[in-house]
Amino acid sequence: MQFDDDANLDTSEVKDVRGSRIPGGRATVGGGIAGVIALILGLLFGVGPEQLGLSSGGDEPAASASSVAQVQQSCRTGADANTREDCRIVAVVNSLQDYWRAEYARRGGRYGAASTVMFSRQVPTACGQASSAVGPFYCPGDRQVYLDLGFFDELRTKFGSTGGPFAQAYVVAHEYGHHVQNLMGTLSRAQDGRTGANSNAVKVELQADCYAGVWARHATTTPDDRTGRPLLTRLTDEDIRDGLDAAAAVGDDRIQERFQGRVTPENWTHGSAAQRQQWFYQGYRTGDMAQCNTFR
């Protein structure tokens, strides 16, 4: 995975609040994988964390001046994205929004951009206070993606993914898939609160995986708004394998087997490892969001 060294990154699409003091000091805590799944459900379905009984007190330490807005200060070019993890996320966000803007325009529509918020430990959102325990998520209430970069270490150490730069890109692309669903009105289909292998919650997640694959297919050919050249210049078969491996690692069956020792499909909210791989690859193979209809 390689970005154009000379490209200029647009840091306005990413808000860096790592190390910031959170007013009020209330955070959501997952309490293990069951809590993580519950909180993800709550955020997705528009339920505030306090309603789920997952909030706890505790103040964040005040941030030093050097710990805030690192992205705005350090992530200027594609060369920075090729050497720094946080700058890589900026470049991925830029590439994703370049693609979706172009795709919406091609279809005669207008894409409404979404910011990514990088945080540490806890963050206030329109979906309630959230902690790092929730993992990356999209909040439809404020149309922002929230990400603690520490999750990528957990993706390898706790969830068993091989990792790699494109595994990170897949995660971000999946969350932007939810943003596209929100713009199209399909995200609300998951609001019936049901779980299970054939639930709308699973279908929404699989469609977001498919949209991530669609972006990956076009990422190296979509021109950057600022230069007219693709921001992402190289994506290899190994990168795609890393993405597929990450998709499998966060499959409901893998997570349940790892953390509770048994698989209970009636509680699935995101789909099996095989399903998540299948739909990501469906998007990547076809490059067509119309082929991502998981609701059929």
Protein backbone atom coordinates (compact mmCIF):
# COMPACT_ATOMS: atom_id res chain seq x y z
CA MET A 1 0.00 0.00 0.00
CA GLN A 2 1.71 3.17 -1.20
CA PHE A 3 0.62 6.80 -1.42
CA ASP A 4 1.91 9.47 -3.80
CA ASP A 5 4.84 11.00 -1.92
CA ASP A 6 4.18 14.44 -3.42
CA ALA A 7 0.44 14.54 -2.70
CA ASN A 8 -0.85 17.16 -0.28
CA LEU A 9 -3.00 15.72 2.49
CA ASP A 10 -6.22 17.44 3.52
CA THR A 11 -6.10 17.37 7.31
CA SER A 12 -9.37 19.31 7.54
CA GLU A 13 -11.15 15.97 7.06
CA VAL A 14 -9.66 14.60 10.30
CA LYS A 15 -10.07 16.02 13.80
CA ASP A 16 -7.27 15.04 16.16
CA VAL A 17 -8.37 15.24 19.79
CA ARG A 18 -5.98 12.64 21.19
CA GLY A 19 -4.96 13.62 24.70
CA SER A 20 -7.67 16.26 25.03
CA ARG A 21 -9.47 16.68 28.33
CA ILE A 22 -13.09 15.57 27.99
CA PRO A 23 -15.56 17.93 29.71
CA GLY A 24 -17.58 16.14 32.36
CA GLY A 25 -15.24 13.18 32.51
CA ARG A 26 -17.88 10.54 31.78
CA ALA A 27 -16.78 7.58 29.69
CA THR A 28 -18.35 4.42 28.37
CA VAL A 29 -16.72 1.15 29.28
CA GLY A 30 -17.24 -2.12 27.48
CA GLY A 31 -16.55 -4.65 30.22
CA GLY A 32 -15.24 -7.28 27.82
CA ILE A 33 -16.43 -8.31 24.38
CA ALA A 34 -20.08 -8.54 25.44
CA GLY A 35 -19.94 -4.90 26.48
CA VAL A 36 -18.21 -3.94 23.26
CA ILE A 37 -20.89 -5.64 21.18
CA ALA A 38 -23.65 -4.06 23.28
CA LEU A 39 -22.15 -0.60 22.97
CA ILE A 40 -21.66 -0.97 19.21
CA LEU A 41 -25.31 -1.96 18.97
CA GLY A 42 -26.30 1.04 21.04
CA LEU A 43 -24.32 3.46 18.91
CA LEU A 44 -25.54 1.94 15.66
CA PHE A 45 -29.17 1.91 16.74
CA GLY A 46 -29.05 5.43 18.13
CA VAL A 47 -29.20 4.34 21.79
CA GLY A 48 -27.10 6.46 24.14
CA PRO A 49 -24.47 4.59 26.17
CA GLU A 50 -26.04 5.76 29.44
CA GLN A 51 -29.26 4.00 28.42
CA LEU A 52 -27.23 0.82 28.08
CA GLY A 53 -25.83 1.24 31.59
CA LEU A 54 -22.27 1.42 30.29
CA SER A 55 -21.19 4.83 31.58
CA SER A 56 -18.73 5.35 34.38
CA GLY A 57 -17.14 8.37 35.99
CA GLY A 58 -13.52 9.41 35.86
CA ASP A 59 -11.71 12.44 34.53
CA GLU A 60 -9.24 12.46 31.71
CA PRO A 61 -5.87 14.04 32.47
CA ALA A 62 -5.29 17.42 30.92
CA ALA A 63 -3.47 17.24 27.61
CA SER A 64 -0.09 18.75 26.98
CA ALA A 65 0.08 21.21 24.11
CA SER A 66 2.23 18.83 22.08
CA SER A 67 -0.26 15.96 22.35
CA VAL A 68 -3.15 17.74 20.65
CA ALA A 69 -3.60 18.21 16.90
CA GLN A 70 -0.58 16.12 15.93
CA VAL A 71 -2.21 15.33 12.60
CA GLN A 72 -2.59 18.98 11.60
CA GLN A 73 1.05 19.66 12.43
CA SER A 74 2.73 16.54 11.05
CA CYS A 75 0.64 15.11 8.21
CA ARG A 76 1.31 17.26 5.18
CA THR A 77 2.18 14.94 2.28
CA GLY A 78 1.80 11.42 0.95
CA ALA A 79 5.36 10.80 2.11
CA ASP A 80 4.16 11.40 5.68
CA ALA A 81 1.34 8.89 5.08
CA ASN A 82 3.89 6.31 3.99
CA THR A 83 5.84 6.64 7.24
CA ARG A 84 3.33 7.56 10.00
CA GLU A 85 0.26 5.61 11.08
CA ASP A 86 -1.87 8.63 11.91
CA CYS A 87 -0.95 10.31 8.61
CA ARG A 88 -1.86 7.08 6.81
CA ILE A 89 -5.36 7.34 8.26
CA VAL A 90 -5.61 10.92 6.99
CA ALA A 91 -4.63 9.73 3.50
CA VAL A 92 -7.13 6.85 3.61
CA VAL A 93 -9.91 9.24 4.65
CA ASN A 94 -8.93 11.63 1.82
CA SER A 95 -8.94 8.76 -0.69
CA LEU A 96 -12.30 7.44 0.52
CA GLN A 97 -13.98 10.82 0.27
CA ASP A 98 -12.40 11.51 -3.13
CA TYR A 99 -13.93 8.25 -4.35
CA TRP A 100 -17.39 8.73 -2.87
CA ARG A 101 -17.58 12.33 -4.09
CA ALA A 102 -16.75 11.14 -7.59
CA GLU A 103 -19.17 8.21 -7.42
CA TYR A 104 -22.04 10.35 -6.20
CA ALA A 105 -21.33 12.90 -8.93
CA ARG A 106 -21.27 10.13 -11.53
CA ARG A 107 -24.71 9.07 -10.34
CA GLY A 108 -26.03 12.63 -10.45
CA GLY A 109 -25.94 13.18 -6.69
CA ARG A 110 -23.90 15.11 -4.17
CA TYR A 111 -21.84 13.42 -1.48
CA GLY A 112 -21.95 14.91 2.01
CA ALA A 113 -18.50 14.48 3.58
CA ALA A 114 -17.88 12.97 7.02
CA SER A 115 -15.00 13.85 9.35
CA THR A 116 -12.93 11.28 11.19
CA VAL A 117 -12.20 11.99 14.85
CA MET A 118 -9.01 10.48 16.28
CA PHE A 119 -9.31 10.20 20.05
CA SER A 120 -7.71 8.48 23.00
CA ARG A 121 -9.53 6.76 25.88
CA GLN A 122 -12.87 8.57 25.61
CA VAL A 123 -14.77 11.02 23.46
CA PRO A 124 -18.15 12.80 23.48
CA THR A 125 -20.35 12.11 20.44
CA ALA A 126 -23.91 12.76 19.34
CA CYS A 127 -24.47 9.05 20.07
CA GLY A 128 -23.32 9.42 23.68
CA GLN A 129 -19.97 9.33 25.45
CA ALA A 130 -17.77 6.56 24.08
CA SER A 131 -14.55 4.93 25.22
CA SER A 132 -11.79 3.17 23.34
CA ALA A 133 -13.42 -0.12 24.33
CA VAL A 134 -16.09 0.36 21.68
CA GLY A 135 -13.62 0.14 18.81
CA PRO A 136 -13.99 2.24 15.64
CA PHE A 137 -17.54 3.38 14.96
CA TYR A 138 -19.68 5.73 12.89
CA CYS A 139 -22.16 7.99 14.65
CA PRO A 140 -25.09 8.93 12.38
CA GLY A 141 -26.11 11.69 14.80
CA ASP A 142 -23.11 13.86 13.93
CA ARG A 143 -21.98 12.08 10.75
CA GLN A 144 -18.49 11.40 12.06
CA VAL A 145 -16.23 8.35 12.24
CA TYR A 146 -14.52 7.82 15.60
CA LEU A 147 -11.22 6.02 15.91
CA ASP A 148 -8.69 5.27 18.63
CA LEU A 149 -5.54 4.11 16.83
CA GLY A 150 -4.87 1.67 19.65
CA PHE A 151 -7.59 -0.53 18.16
CA PHE A 152 -5.23 -1.57 15.38
CA ASP A 153 -2.90 -3.17 17.91
CA GLU A 154 -5.89 -4.97 19.41
CA LEU A 155 -6.94 -6.14 15.96
CA ARG A 156 -3.74 -8.18 15.93
CA THR A 157 -3.27 -9.08 19.57
CA LYS A 158 -6.88 -9.67 20.66
CA PHE A 159 -8.66 -10.53 17.44
CA GLY A 160 -5.88 -12.43 15.68
CA SER A 161 -5.60 -10.40 12.48
CA THR A 162 -2.31 -10.42 10.57
CA GLY A 163 -2.51 -6.63 10.56
CA GLY A 164 -0.80 -4.45 7.99
CA PRO A 165 -1.56 -0.98 6.61
CA PHE A 166 -4.46 -2.13 4.46
CA ALA A 167 -6.10 -3.92 7.38
CA GLN A 168 -6.32 -0.46 8.94
CA ALA A 169 -7.63 1.01 5.69
CA TYR A 170 -10.33 -1.69 5.53
CA VAL A 171 -11.56 -0.74 9.01
CA VAL A 172 -11.83 2.95 8.10
CA ALA A 173 -13.44 2.15 4.74
CA HIS A 174 -16.04 -0.01 6.50
CA GLU A 175 -17.01 2.91 8.75
CA TYR A 176 -17.33 5.19 5.73
CA GLY A 177 -19.54 2.51 4.25
CA HIS A 178 -21.88 3.20 7.16
CA HIS A 179 -21.76 6.90 6.32
CA VAL A 180 -22.81 6.14 2.75
CA GLN A 181 -25.64 4.00 4.12
CA ASN A 182 -26.71 6.88 6.34
CA LEU A 183 -26.79 9.24 3.36
CA MET A 184 -28.82 6.72 1.37
CA GLY A 185 -31.25 5.95 4.19
CA THR A 186 -30.33 2.27 4.48
CA LEU A 187 -28.55 2.50 7.83
CA SER A 188 -31.91 2.90 9.55
CA ARG A 189 -32.91 -0.61 8.50
CA ALA A 190 -30.88 -1.91 11.43
CA GLN A 191 -32.97 0.04 13.94
CA ASP A 192 -35.43 -2.79 14.56
CA GLY A 193 -33.07 -3.97 17.33
CA ARG A 194 -33.03 -7.58 16.19
CA THR A 195 -29.94 -9.76 16.10
CA GLY A 196 -29.13 -13.03 14.36
CA ALA A 197 -27.52 -14.36 11.22
CA ASN A 198 -30.35 -13.10 8.98
CA SER A 199 -31.04 -9.85 10.83
CA ASN A 200 -30.98 -6.41 9.25
CA ALA A 201 -28.13 -5.54 11.63
CA VAL A 202 -25.95 -8.17 9.95
CA LYS A 203 -27.06 -7.12 6.46
CA VAL A 204 -26.12 -3.50 7.20
CA GLU A 205 -22.65 -4.54 8.36
CA LEU A 206 -22.05 -6.79 5.36
CA GLN A 207 -23.10 -4.03 2.99
CA ALA A 208 -20.57 -1.70 4.65
CA ASP A 209 -17.92 -4.37 4.04
CA CYS A 210 -18.95 -4.50 0.40
CA TYR A 211 -18.73 -0.72 0.06
CA ALA A 212 -15.22 -0.91 1.54
CA GLY A 213 -14.31 -3.37 -1.22
CA VAL A 214 -15.79 -1.08 -3.89
CA TRP A 215 -13.55 1.76 -2.73
CA ALA A 216 -10.52 -0.56 -2.73
CA ARG A 217 -11.20 -1.50 -6.37
CA HIS A 218 -11.14 2.16 -7.45
CA ALA A 219 -8.69 3.64 -4.95
CA THR A 220 -5.65 3.60 -7.24
CA THR A 221 -7.54 5.16 -10.17
CA THR A 222 -9.65 7.81 -8.44
CA PRO A 223 -8.02 11.23 -8.93
CA ASP A 224 -7.30 13.29 -5.87
CA ASP A 225 -9.33 16.51 -5.78
CA ARG A 226 -6.21 18.57 -5.12
CA THR A 227 -3.75 17.18 -7.68
CA GLY A 228 -5.81 15.33 -10.26
CA ARG A 229 -3.65 12.23 -9.60
CA PRO A 230 -4.63 9.20 -7.51
CA LEU A 231 -3.57 9.64 -3.89
CA LEU A 232 -3.17 5.87 -3.45
CA THR A 233 -0.71 4.68 -6.07
CA ARG A 234 -0.21 1.00 -5.22
CA LEU A 235 -2.43 -1.70 -3.75
CA THR A 236 -1.10 -5.25 -3.94
CA ASP A 237 -2.68 -8.69 -3.67
CA GLU A 238 -1.03 -8.99 -0.27
CA ASP A 239 -2.79 -5.80 0.85
CA ILE A 240 -6.15 -7.25 -0.19
CA ARG A 241 -5.34 -10.45 1.69
CA ASP A 242 -4.64 -8.36 4.79
CA GLY A 243 -8.01 -6.69 4.35
CA LEU A 244 -9.77 -10.03 3.97
CA ASP A 245 -7.98 -11.36 7.04
CA ALA A 246 -9.07 -8.34 9.08
CA ALA A 247 -12.66 -8.81 7.90
CA ALA A 248 -12.57 -12.43 9.05
CA ALA A 249 -10.98 -11.54 12.40
CA VAL A 250 -13.98 -9.39 13.34
CA GLY A 251 -16.58 -11.92 12.20
CA ASP A 252 -19.15 -12.69 14.90
CA ASP A 253 -18.33 -16.40 14.94
CA ARG A 254 -14.60 -15.75 15.40
CA ILE A 255 -15.21 -13.20 18.14
CA GLN A 256 -17.67 -15.42 20.00
CA GLU A 257 -15.42 -18.46 19.76
CA ARG A 258 -12.43 -16.48 21.00
CA PHE A 259 -14.12 -14.67 23.89
CA GLN A 260 -16.96 -16.93 25.01
CA GLY A 261 -15.85 -20.33 23.72
CA ARG A 262 -18.96 -21.06 21.67
CA VAL A 263 -20.77 -19.70 18.60
CA THR A 264 -24.32 -18.38 19.02
CA PRO A 265 -25.64 -17.22 15.62
CA GLU A 266 -28.84 -15.88 17.17
CA ASN A 267 -26.75 -13.10 18.75
CA TRP A 268 -24.85 -12.07 15.63
CA THR A 269 -24.76 -8.38 14.78
CA HIS A 270 -22.02 -8.17 12.12
CA GLY A 271 -21.94 -11.48 10.23
CA SER A 272 -19.63 -14.48 10.16
CA ALA A 273 -15.98 -14.38 9.14
CA ALA A 274 -16.84 -16.05 5.83
CA GLN A 275 -19.69 -13.63 5.14
CA ARG A 276 -17.56 -10.59 5.87
CA GLN A 277 -14.83 -11.81 3.55
CA GLN A 278 -17.37 -12.71 0.88
CA TRP A 279 -18.98 -9.28 0.82
CA PHE A 280 -15.73 -7.32 0.98
CA TYR A 281 -14.47 -9.34 -1.97
CA GLN A 282 -17.80 -8.90 -3.78
CA GLY A 283 -17.28 -5.17 -3.67
CA TYR A 284 -13.64 -5.43 -4.64
CA ARG A 285 -14.29 -7.86 -7.50
CA THR A 286 -17.17 -5.91 -9.06
CA GLY A 287 -16.26 -2.35 -8.11
CA ASP A 288 -19.99 -1.62 -8.25
CA MET A 289 -21.98 -0.49 -5.23
CA ALA A 290 -25.15 -1.75 -6.94
CA GLN A 291 -23.77 -5.27 -6.37
CA CYS A 292 -23.75 -4.68 -2.61
CA ASN A 293 -27.45 -5.32 -1.99
CA THR A 294 -27.21 -7.59 1.04
CA PHE A 295 -30.94 -7.13 1.69
CA ARG A 296 -32.05 -9.24 -1.29
